[in-house]
Amino acid sequence: MASLWLVNLPADVTDDEIDGWLQKYGFPPCDEILRVPGDGSRPGAVVSFADLDEQTLRRLQPRVDGVFVRDRAISAQVAPPPRREPR
């Protein structure tokens, strides 16, 4: 599983729009979108792909980093894998 961190999304963009937009740029359908509102000036989202590894997502990420969506330049970064707590 790998995740993509998207920042500066339009506040009113829907999950379906995000998924469709990513698929337009060659990404597979996403499995989950977690919204991260922050202070509201640059809303973000973490988009998860169950069937992608981090290396593959790193090859896809430049396709959407800096692309304009509704007059806003989107920043895209591969999110680090979740930390596993020791048992």
C-alpha atoms as a PDB file:
ATOM      1  CA  MET A   1       0.000   0.000   0.000  1.00  0.00           C
ATOM      2  CA  ALA A   2       1.208   3.489  -0.838  1.00  0.00           C
ATOM      3  CA  SER A   3      -0.256   6.932  -0.228  1.00  0.00           C
ATOM      4  CA  LEU A   4      -0.092  10.246  -2.056  1.00  0.00           C
ATOM      5  CA  TRP A   5      -0.249  13.526  -0.136  1.00  0.00           C
ATOM      6  CA  LEU A   6      -2.066  16.255  -2.108  1.00  0.00           C
ATOM      7  CA  VAL A   7      -1.988  19.879  -0.936  1.00  0.00           C
ATOM      8  CA  ASN A   8      -3.709  23.078  -2.105  1.00  0.00           C
ATOM      9  CA  LEU A   9      -6.856  21.364  -3.312  1.00  0.00           C
ATOM     10  CA  PRO A  10      -9.911  23.509  -3.983  1.00  0.00           C
ATOM     11  CA  ALA A  11     -12.027  23.418  -0.817  1.00  0.00           C
ATOM     12  CA  ASP A  12     -15.124  22.166  -2.639  1.00  0.00           C
ATOM     13  CA  VAL A  13     -13.494  19.375  -4.665  1.00  0.00           C
ATOM     14  CA  THR A  14     -15.183  16.002  -4.132  1.00  0.00           C
ATOM     15  CA  ASP A  15     -13.547  12.621  -3.569  1.00  0.00           C
ATOM     16  CA  ASP A  16     -14.928  11.439  -6.916  1.00  0.00           C
ATOM     17  CA  GLU A  17     -13.321  14.425  -8.642  1.00  0.00           C
ATOM     18  CA  ILE A  18      -9.954  13.701  -7.019  1.00  0.00           C
ATOM     19  CA  ASP A  19     -10.105  10.027  -7.998  1.00  0.00           C
ATOM     20  CA  GLY A  20     -11.217  10.832 -11.549  1.00  0.00           C
ATOM     21  CA  TRP A  21      -8.553  13.493 -11.933  1.00  0.00           C
ATOM     22  CA  LEU A  22      -5.810  11.103 -10.786  1.00  0.00           C
ATOM     23  CA  GLN A  23      -7.079   8.376 -13.140  1.00  0.00           C
ATOM     24  CA  LYS A  24      -6.935  10.899 -15.995  1.00  0.00           C
ATOM     25  CA  TYR A  25      -3.174  11.131 -15.303  1.00  0.00           C
ATOM     26  CA  GLY A  26      -2.681   7.351 -15.316  1.00  0.00           C
ATOM     27  CA  PHE A  27      -3.189   6.449 -11.661  1.00  0.00           C
ATOM     28  CA  PRO A  28      -5.272   3.401 -10.747  1.00  0.00           C
ATOM     29  CA  PRO A  29      -8.542   3.941  -8.862  1.00  0.00           C
ATOM     30  CA  CYS A  30      -7.821   4.905  -5.275  1.00  0.00           C
ATOM     31  CA  ASP A  31      -8.998   2.918  -2.276  1.00  0.00           C
ATOM     32  CA  GLU A  32      -9.376   5.713   0.272  1.00  0.00           C
ATOM     33  CA  ILE A  33      -9.208   9.495   0.509  1.00  0.00           C
ATOM     34  CA  LEU A  34      -8.591  11.047   3.915  1.00  0.00           C
ATOM     35  CA  ARG A  35      -9.242  14.798   4.022  1.00  0.00           C
ATOM     36  CA  VAL A  36      -6.825  17.058   5.918  1.00  0.00           C
ATOM     37  CA  PRO A  37      -8.415  20.516   6.199  1.00  0.00           C
ATOM     38  CA  GLY A  38      -5.644  22.308   8.155  1.00  0.00           C
ATOM     39  CA  ASP A  39      -6.420  26.004   8.559  1.00  0.00           C
ATOM     40  CA  GLY A  40      -8.531  26.015   5.387  1.00  0.00           C
ATOM     41  CA  SER A  41      -6.120  28.006   3.208  1.00  0.00           C
ATOM     42  CA  ARG A  42      -4.518  24.978   1.507  1.00  0.00           C
ATOM     43  CA  PRO A  43      -6.782  21.941   2.048  1.00  0.00           C
ATOM     44  CA  GLY A  44      -5.111  18.588   1.592  1.00  0.00           C
ATOM     45  CA  ALA A  45      -5.882  14.922   1.238  1.00  0.00           C
ATOM     46  CA  VAL A  46      -4.051  11.637   1.650  1.00  0.00           C
ATOM     47  CA  VAL A  47      -4.997   9.306  -1.199  1.00  0.00           C
ATOM     48  CA  SER A  48      -4.286   5.598  -0.607  1.00  0.00           C
ATOM     49  CA  PHE A  49      -3.722   2.901  -3.208  1.00  0.00           C
ATOM     50  CA  ALA A  50      -3.829  -0.662  -1.847  1.00  0.00           C
ATOM     51  CA  ASP A  51      -2.359  -2.248  -4.977  1.00  0.00           C
ATOM     52  CA  LEU A  52       0.551   0.176  -5.499  1.00  0.00           C
ATOM     53  CA  ASP A  53       3.955   0.007  -3.875  1.00  0.00           C
ATOM     54  CA  GLU A  54       5.832   3.168  -2.917  1.00  0.00           C
ATOM     55  CA  GLN A  55       8.306   2.890  -5.796  1.00  0.00           C
ATOM     56  CA  THR A  56       5.533   2.751  -8.424  1.00  0.00           C
ATOM     57  CA  LEU A  57       3.741   5.693  -6.820  1.00  0.00           C
ATOM     58  CA  ARG A  58       7.008   7.689  -6.907  1.00  0.00           C
ATOM     59  CA  ARG A  59       7.107   7.178 -10.687  1.00  0.00           C
ATOM     60  CA  LEU A  60       3.511   8.403 -11.054  1.00  0.00           C
ATOM     61  CA  GLN A  61       3.755  11.376  -8.644  1.00  0.00           C
ATOM     62  CA  PRO A  62       5.504  13.816 -11.061  1.00  0.00           C
ATOM     63  CA  ARG A  63       2.505  13.550 -13.409  1.00  0.00           C
ATOM     64  CA  VAL A  64       0.325  15.538 -10.991  1.00  0.00           C
ATOM     65  CA  ASP A  65       2.777  17.639  -8.957  1.00  0.00           C
ATOM     66  CA  GLY A  66       2.282  21.265  -9.981  1.00  0.00           C
ATOM     67  CA  VAL A  67      -0.797  20.621 -12.147  1.00  0.00           C
ATOM     68  CA  PHE A  68      -3.514  23.278 -11.940  1.00  0.00           C
ATOM     69  CA  VAL A  69      -6.977  22.289 -10.729  1.00  0.00           C
ATOM     70  CA  ARG A  70      -9.523  25.108 -10.742  1.00  0.00           C
ATOM     71  CA  ASP A  71      -6.762  27.748 -10.821  1.00  0.00           C
ATOM     72  CA  ARG A  72      -4.827  26.190  -7.923  1.00  0.00           C
ATOM     73  CA  ALA A  73      -1.438  24.529  -8.335  1.00  0.00           C
ATOM     74  CA  ILE A  74      -1.576  21.150  -6.615  1.00  0.00           C
ATOM     75  CA  SER A  75       1.445  19.867  -4.737  1.00  0.00           C
ATOM     76  CA  ALA A  76       1.807  16.075  -4.667  1.00  0.00           C
ATOM     77  CA  GLN A  77       4.227  14.026  -2.591  1.00  0.00           C
ATOM     78  CA  VAL A  78       4.455  10.354  -1.781  1.00  0.00           C
ATOM     79  CA  ALA A  79       3.538  10.007   1.879  1.00  0.00           C
ATOM     80  CA  PRO A  80       5.879   7.973   4.056  1.00  0.00           C
ATOM     81  CA  PRO A  81       4.611   4.535   5.056  1.00  0.00           C
ATOM     82  CA  PRO A  82       2.738   4.423   8.352  1.00  0.00           C
ATOM     83  CA  ARG A  83       4.890   3.873  11.410  1.00  0.00           C
ATOM     84  CA  ARG A  84       4.458   0.546  13.097  1.00  0.00           C
ATOM     85  CA  GLU A  85       4.604   0.582  16.863  1.00  0.00           C
ATOM     86  CA  PRO A  86       6.828  -2.091  18.429  1.00  0.00           C
ATOM     87  CA  ARG A  87       5.005  -4.815  20.285  1.00  0.00           C
END
